[in-house]
Structures are given as structure tokens and as C-alpha cells.
């Protein structure tokens, strides 16, 4: 996903003079091609994310569209006051990019685990939240990240993730869900890099004869309310899966929509971090298994719903 982002950003910079990138002293190697091609549009702010965000806000209010880039919590939680007061409140075109959502940097401990970022960013007015699940989804949302007025949050994995679609996604629209499989017995809603585990789980269930659907949501805020309510009216259950705390995150956003239906609707099962921090460290795969949202645990949770 990281490489897809940098390539898409370079393409935007070639087309639009207002595109700038500020990094918080990381991304070397990955960002080097952008730096070499656009040295006048690239700035390393150092390990000073609050200053980085303030600079980005000032540049944006002077007509630029500025992307800030750092690991996990660093471009979001550390400069949260600057995002709220300087960027979102003023509808500034600052595009905050987190590389390493969830447990990508699992071995580095709780300080590097991004498991509350979606909830916090989507709670801020005037902030649009993107959480693509593979490189094709990154490429699909990048034009919207640029075109959407005001502050946006883009949550990425790290790098080397496989592509889960057979071809690029065409004409993606803000808030749209992407149908991977349709199903009548129930559906899995996924956002972000956990899409691969969801796909493995759903494919295993389908091979066992269960007609389970899978939908990916590269946008978390806004969501396609009409689409979610349509499926919630037709299906017995929806399982939301996120590499994130279930409090205030993607699953909560789905529940906010179904709660407004005022009629019988699908049971919503929330799969993710159960309102806790990870006090242990390990690889991303290890922590996904430990906290119960790898493909095996997803299958077990859905089996209880069938």
C-alpha cells in the first residue's frame, strides 16, 4: 500500500501544482523518488509532528494541498490539537497519511500500535476518513483524497501487501462499499489492511457451502448509508472486522447507521480489539491471532452466527 500511495502521489503532483508532501523524518527510500522528482514540493519536518501539522495548515491556507506522512499514531494522536484547531476547523486541505495502521509495527509496542486512530479521526468534524484494504484500493481513493475539500485522513498498511482484485478499481465514489462476494446468509464488512484475513475467512466458509458475502469499505467517513441499510434489511447478520478498537471505530459507524432504521435489521457482530491496549509485542500476524481477528477466529465468530 505504501508504494501505491507514493506512486499515486507523484502522479497527482505532476498534474497539480498545489500538491506538497511533508514527512516526519521517515519514509526514506520509499519517499526518495518523490523527493528527487519534486524537491521543491518535499519537506522533512523532523520528529516534530505538531510543528509538521501546523506548517501544513499554514501552507494549505495559502492555497496548497499538503500531505503529511508518518508512522501509526505519530501524524494523528501526537498533533491532535493542531489537526482539530488548525486544519479541520478551517477546512484546510491537509491530507494526513498514516503508514502502519493497526499492528503493522507490532514488535515496537503499544506506542506504535495504531488501534484508536480511526475512532478519533472520524469523531472530528470536517475530517474525511479513508482506510483502503489493498494497493488497488489505495490507487482508487487517492484522487478522492486530493479532490475532497478540507482535511482528510488516509490510513495505510506498510508495504508488500498483495492485491486482492483482478484489475484496478474504476470510478470509485466517496463512501462506496466494494462488493467482493455477494451472499444471502450473512455478510462480512471489512475496512483497511485486515481485508486479506476477511477474504480468506469468507472463501473458506463459501467452500463449506455457506453463502456469505464480503464487502470492503475503503472509506469509513462518510459511509454509504442507503447501501448499509439495504443489506441490513435483507441479511440476518453483518460481521464488521477491523484492526482497531471496536469502540468508536468502523463497526461503531455501521451500528450508528443500523440503529437509525427503526425496524428489524441484521444483527451486527463487531470483530476487533475489545477496548484494550496491547501489552504484548509481536508480529502483525501474531497479534491478529492473539486478539482474535485473523481468518481462523473470524470463521469461528461467524460460525456462531450461522
Protein backbone atom coordinates (compact mmCIF):
# COMPACT_ATOMS: atom_id res chain seq x y z
CA UNK A 1 0.00 0.00 0.00
CA UNK A 2 2.83 2.38 0.84
CA UNK A 3 4.36 2.09 -2.63
CA UNK A 4 0.95 2.50 -4.29
CA UNK A 5 0.48 5.70 -2.27
CA UNK A 6 3.81 7.24 -3.27
CA UNK A 7 3.27 6.44 -6.94
CA UNK A 8 -0.24 7.89 -6.86
CA UNK A 9 1.01 10.98 -5.02
CA UNK A 10 3.69 11.56 -7.65
CA UNK A 11 1.05 11.28 -10.36
CA UNK A 12 -1.06 13.91 -8.57
CA UNK A 13 1.95 16.20 -8.19
CA UNK A 14 2.66 16.01 -11.92
CA UNK A 15 -0.90 17.06 -12.65
CA UNK A 16 -1.48 19.59 -9.87
CA UNK A 17 0.93 22.34 -8.89
CA UNK A 18 -0.54 22.68 -5.40
CA UNK A 19 0.46 19.18 -4.14
CA UNK A 20 3.15 19.14 -1.41
CA UNK A 21 4.49 16.42 0.91
CA UNK A 22 5.85 16.84 4.46
CA UNK A 23 7.35 13.85 6.26
CA UNK A 24 8.03 13.45 9.95
CA UNK A 25 11.61 12.22 9.44
CA UNK A 26 10.79 8.83 7.95
CA UNK A 27 9.93 7.10 4.70
CA UNK A 28 13.48 7.26 3.39
CA UNK A 29 13.78 5.06 0.34
CA UNK A 30 10.02 4.95 -0.13
CA UNK A 31 9.71 8.74 -0.48
CA UNK A 32 13.04 9.22 -2.25
CA UNK A 33 11.59 9.05 -5.80
CA UNK A 34 9.09 11.80 -4.89
CA UNK A 35 11.83 13.89 -3.26
CA UNK A 36 14.10 13.52 -6.29
CA UNK A 37 11.38 14.43 -8.79
CA UNK A 38 9.82 17.24 -6.75
CA UNK A 39 12.49 18.64 -4.42
CA UNK A 40 10.63 21.95 -4.15
CA UNK A 41 7.44 20.14 -3.04
CA UNK A 42 9.07 17.97 -0.36
CA UNK A 43 9.92 18.91 3.22
CA UNK A 44 11.27 16.87 6.13
CA UNK A 45 9.91 18.47 9.29
CA UNK A 46 11.89 16.17 11.56
CA UNK A 47 10.47 14.30 14.53
CA UNK A 48 8.15 17.21 15.29
CA UNK A 49 4.68 16.16 14.23
CA UNK A 50 2.89 19.08 15.89
CA UNK A 51 5.09 21.52 14.01
CA UNK A 52 4.68 19.46 10.82
CA UNK A 53 0.90 19.74 11.07
CA UNK A 54 0.99 23.44 11.85
CA UNK A 55 3.24 24.10 8.85
CA UNK A 56 0.92 22.02 6.66
CA UNK A 57 -2.10 24.01 7.87
CA UNK A 58 -0.39 27.31 7.09
CA UNK A 59 0.60 26.14 3.62
CA UNK A 60 -2.90 24.82 2.97
CA UNK A 61 -4.49 28.11 3.97
CA UNK A 62 -2.24 29.76 1.38
CA UNK A 63 -3.61 27.54 -1.39
CA UNK A 64 -1.60 24.34 -1.24
CA UNK A 65 -2.83 20.78 -0.80
CA UNK A 66 -0.42 19.29 1.72
CA UNK A 67 0.12 15.62 2.56
CA UNK A 68 1.70 14.84 5.95
CA UNK A 69 3.27 11.41 6.42
CA UNK A 70 4.39 9.40 9.43
CA UNK A 71 4.03 6.09 11.29
CA UNK A 72 0.85 4.99 13.01
CA UNK A 73 -0.08 7.28 15.87
CA UNK A 74 2.51 9.96 15.16
CA UNK A 75 0.71 12.06 12.50
CA UNK A 76 -2.65 11.68 14.27
CA UNK A 77 -2.56 11.43 18.06
CA UNK A 78 0.56 13.48 18.75
CA UNK A 79 -0.63 16.58 16.79
CA UNK A 80 -4.34 16.07 17.51
CA UNK A 81 -4.84 19.64 18.74
CA UNK A 82 -3.24 21.03 15.57
CA UNK A 83 -5.40 18.77 13.39
CA UNK A 84 -8.54 19.90 15.20
CA UNK A 85 -7.83 23.61 15.62
CA UNK A 86 -5.60 24.44 12.66
CA UNK A 87 -6.74 22.01 9.96
CA UNK A 88 -10.27 20.65 10.42
CA UNK A 89 -11.84 23.78 11.91
CA UNK A 90 -10.58 25.86 8.99
CA UNK A 91 -11.39 23.26 6.30
CA UNK A 92 -7.70 23.30 5.40
CA UNK A 93 -6.60 20.97 2.61
CA UNK A 94 -4.29 18.91 4.79
CA UNK A 95 -4.20 15.20 3.95
CA UNK A 96 -2.89 13.19 6.91
CA UNK A 97 -1.29 9.88 5.94
CA UNK A 98 -0.65 7.15 8.49
CA UNK A 99 1.59 4.31 7.39
CA UNK A 100 1.28 1.29 9.65
CA UNK A 101 -2.36 1.15 10.70
CA UNK A 102 -3.25 -1.48 13.30
CA UNK A 103 -0.45 -3.86 14.24
CA UNK A 104 1.89 -3.31 11.29
CA UNK A 105 4.60 -2.20 13.74
CA UNK A 106 3.51 -4.76 16.32
CA UNK A 107 7.01 -5.60 17.51
CA UNK A 108 7.64 -1.97 18.53
CA UNK A 109 4.98 -1.98 21.21
CA UNK A 110 1.88 -0.04 22.22
CA UNK A 111 3.38 3.36 21.29
CA UNK A 112 3.48 2.20 17.64
CA UNK A 113 0.15 0.32 17.57
CA UNK A 114 -2.46 2.41 15.72
CA UNK A 115 -5.66 0.96 17.19
CA UNK A 116 -7.67 4.08 18.13
CA UNK A 117 -6.87 6.36 15.19
CA UNK A 118 -9.99 5.75 13.09
CA UNK A 119 -12.33 6.42 16.02
CA UNK A 120 -10.53 9.63 16.95
CA UNK A 121 -10.21 10.99 13.42
CA UNK A 122 -13.79 10.23 12.41
CA UNK A 123 -15.02 11.98 15.57
CA UNK A 124 -13.56 15.26 14.31
CA UNK A 125 -16.00 17.37 12.25
CA UNK A 126 -14.83 18.23 8.73
CA UNK A 127 -12.48 15.22 8.52
CA UNK A 128 -12.96 12.56 5.82
CA UNK A 129 -11.53 9.13 6.70
CA UNK A 130 -10.12 6.65 4.17
CA UNK A 131 -8.94 3.13 5.07
CA UNK A 132 -8.13 1.16 1.90
CA UNK A 133 -7.58 -2.60 2.05
CA UNK A 134 -5.06 -3.25 -0.71
CA UNK A 135 -2.90 -1.36 -3.26
CA UNK A 136 -5.75 -1.19 -5.80
CA UNK A 137 -7.97 0.44 -3.21
CA UNK A 138 -5.20 2.94 -2.41
CA UNK A 139 -5.00 3.87 -6.09
CA UNK A 140 -8.80 4.18 -6.23
CA UNK A 141 -9.08 6.55 -3.26
CA UNK A 142 -6.06 8.77 -3.90
CA UNK A 143 -7.83 11.06 -6.41
CA UNK A 144 -10.63 11.49 -3.88
CA UNK A 145 -8.19 12.28 -1.08
CA UNK A 146 -6.90 15.11 -3.25
CA UNK A 147 -10.29 16.27 -4.57
CA UNK A 148 -12.27 16.13 -1.31
CA UNK A 149 -12.29 19.64 0.20
CA UNK A 150 -10.79 20.05 3.64
CA UNK A 151 -8.89 17.72 5.92
CA UNK A 152 -8.65 14.01 5.11
CA UNK A 153 -7.14 11.03 6.91
CA UNK A 154 -5.63 8.17 4.89
CA UNK A 155 -4.80 5.01 6.83
CA UNK A 156 -2.36 2.65 5.12
CA UNK A 157 -0.64 -0.65 5.83
CA UNK A 158 3.10 -0.70 5.34
CA UNK A 159 4.29 -2.31 2.12
CA UNK A 160 4.27 -5.53 0.17
CA UNK A 161 0.59 -6.29 0.66
CA UNK A 162 -0.95 -8.40 -2.12
CA UNK A 163 -3.59 -7.10 -4.49
CA UNK A 164 -6.94 -8.76 -3.81
CA UNK A 165 -8.67 -7.72 -7.03
CA UNK A 166 -8.04 -8.96 -10.55
CA UNK A 167 -7.91 -5.45 -12.01
CA UNK A 168 -7.80 -1.78 -10.91
CA UNK A 169 -10.98 -0.36 -9.36
CA UNK A 170 -12.69 2.02 -11.74
CA UNK A 171 -14.69 5.15 -10.87
CA UNK A 172 -14.64 4.70 -7.11
CA UNK A 173 -17.02 7.09 -5.34
CA UNK A 174 -16.69 8.61 -1.89
CA UNK A 175 -18.24 6.37 0.78
CA UNK A 176 -18.79 3.47 -1.60
CA UNK A 177 -18.53 -0.16 -0.49
CA UNK A 178 -16.83 -2.60 -2.86
CA UNK A 179 -18.53 -5.95 -3.31
CA UNK A 180 -16.02 -8.81 -3.28
CA UNK A 181 -18.67 -11.52 -2.90
CA UNK A 182 -22.44 -11.26 -2.63
CA UNK A 183 -24.16 -13.57 -0.15
CA UNK A 184 -27.59 -14.28 1.31
CA UNK A 185 -26.75 -15.97 4.63
CA UNK A 186 -24.83 -13.00 6.01
CA UNK A 187 -22.01 -10.61 5.19
CA UNK A 188 -18.59 -9.56 6.38
CA UNK A 189 -17.82 -5.82 6.25
CA UNK A 190 -14.09 -5.08 6.21
CA UNK A 191 -12.04 -1.91 6.28
CA UNK A 192 -8.29 -1.45 5.93
CA UNK A 193 -5.49 -3.99 5.79
CA UNK A 194 -7.50 -6.75 7.51
CA UNK A 195 -9.21 -7.36 4.15
CA UNK A 196 -6.86 -10.25 3.39
CA UNK A 197 -7.87 -12.14 6.56
CA UNK A 198 -11.55 -11.46 5.84
CA UNK A 199 -11.19 -12.76 2.30
CA UNK A 200 -9.52 -15.97 3.48
CA UNK A 201 -12.26 -16.50 6.07
CA UNK A 202 -15.14 -15.85 3.67
CA UNK A 203 -13.65 -18.04 0.96
CA UNK A 204 -13.27 -20.90 3.46
CA UNK A 205 -16.88 -20.50 4.56
CA UNK A 206 -18.10 -20.40 0.98
CA UNK A 207 -16.15 -23.56 0.19
CA UNK A 208 -18.04 -25.21 3.07
CA UNK A 209 -21.32 -24.25 1.41
CA UNK A 210 -22.19 -21.07 3.29
CA UNK A 211 -23.40 -18.18 1.14
CA UNK A 212 -21.51 -15.39 2.92
CA UNK A 213 -20.87 -12.02 1.30
CA UNK A 214 -17.80 -9.82 1.65
CA UNK A 215 -17.72 -6.05 1.26
CA UNK A 216 -14.72 -3.77 1.61
CA UNK A 217 -15.09 -0.16 2.77
CA UNK A 218 -12.13 1.99 1.66
CA UNK A 219 -14.00 4.98 3.11
CA UNK A 220 -15.04 4.98 6.77
CA UNK A 221 -16.38 8.54 6.88
CA UNK A 222 -18.67 9.12 5.11
CA UNK A 223 -20.33 5.73 4.55
CA UNK A 224 -22.99 4.85 2.01
CA UNK A 225 -25.90 4.88 4.46
CA UNK A 226 -28.50 3.69 1.96
CA UNK A 227 -26.36 0.72 0.92
CA UNK A 228 -25.66 -0.35 4.50
CA UNK A 229 -29.33 -0.13 5.44
CA UNK A 230 -30.34 -2.09 2.34
CA UNK A 231 -28.09 -5.01 3.28
CA UNK A 232 -29.05 -4.74 6.95
CA UNK A 233 -32.71 -5.11 5.94
CA UNK A 234 -32.03 -8.16 3.77
CA UNK A 235 -29.50 -10.19 5.80
CA UNK A 236 -29.68 -11.98 9.16
CA UNK A 237 -26.25 -10.73 10.27
CA UNK A 238 -23.36 -8.46 9.42
CA UNK A 239 -19.91 -9.04 10.93
CA UNK A 240 -17.68 -5.95 10.89
CA UNK A 241 -13.93 -6.61 11.03
CA UNK A 242 -11.28 -4.00 11.77
CA UNK A 243 -7.68 -3.98 13.01
CA UNK A 244 -8.72 -1.38 15.53
CA UNK A 245 -10.58 -0.91 18.78
CA UNK A 246 -14.27 -1.75 18.37
CA UNK A 247 -15.19 1.33 20.45
CA UNK A 248 -15.87 4.21 18.08
CA UNK A 249 -14.35 2.57 15.02
CA UNK A 250 -15.69 1.13 11.79
CA UNK A 251 -18.09 -1.29 13.45
CA UNK A 252 -19.49 1.53 15.57
CA UNK A 253 -20.05 3.57 12.40
CA UNK A 254 -22.07 0.70 10.91
CA UNK A 255 -24.09 0.38 14.14
CA UNK A 256 -24.86 4.11 14.08
CA UNK A 257 -26.46 3.58 10.67
CA UNK A 258 -28.45 0.43 11.52
CA UNK A 259 -29.65 1.94 14.81
CA UNK A 260 -31.47 4.62 12.83
CA UNK A 261 -33.50 2.10 10.84
CA UNK A 262 -36.25 1.86 13.42
CA UNK A 263 -37.20 -1.64 12.28
CA UNK A 264 -35.91 -5.18 12.38
CA UNK A 265 -32.44 -5.37 10.87
CA UNK A 266 -29.39 -7.58 10.76
CA UNK A 267 -27.56 -8.43 13.94
CA UNK A 268 -24.21 -6.61 13.85
CA UNK A 269 -21.23 -8.51 15.27
CA UNK A 270 -18.17 -6.36 15.99
CA UNK A 271 -14.80 -8.07 15.50
CA UNK A 272 -11.68 -6.16 16.54
CA UNK A 273 -9.77 -5.03 19.62
CA UNK A 274 -12.03 -5.39 22.66
CA UNK A 275 -11.45 -1.94 24.21
CA UNK A 276 -7.87 -2.57 25.31
CA UNK A 277 -4.25 -1.74 24.57
CA UNK A 278 -1.84 -4.47 23.56
CA UNK A 279 0.52 -5.08 26.45
CA UNK A 280 2.38 -7.66 24.41
CA UNK A 281 4.50 -7.31 21.29
CA UNK A 282 4.96 -9.49 18.24
CA UNK A 283 4.47 -9.63 14.51
CA UNK A 284 1.28 -8.35 12.93
CA UNK A 285 0.11 -11.91 12.24
CA UNK A 286 0.86 -12.97 15.83
CA UNK A 287 -1.12 -10.09 17.31
CA UNK A 288 -4.04 -10.56 14.93
CA UNK A 289 -4.27 -14.14 16.14
CA UNK A 290 -3.79 -13.23 19.81
CA UNK A 291 -6.59 -10.66 19.76
CA UNK A 292 -8.97 -12.79 17.73
CA UNK A 293 -9.31 -11.29 14.27
CA UNK A 294 -7.21 -13.44 12.00
CA UNK A 295 -9.05 -15.61 9.46
CA UNK A 296 -9.42 -18.57 11.83
CA UNK A 297 -11.05 -16.50 14.55
CA UNK A 298 -13.27 -14.71 12.03
CA UNK A 299 -14.53 -18.12 10.84
CA UNK A 300 -15.31 -19.16 14.42
CA UNK A 301 -17.19 -15.95 15.16
CA UNK A 302 -19.27 -16.25 12.00
CA UNK A 303 -19.97 -19.93 12.71
CA UNK A 304 -21.73 -18.88 15.92
CA UNK A 305 -23.95 -16.56 13.87
CA UNK A 306 -24.92 -19.06 11.17
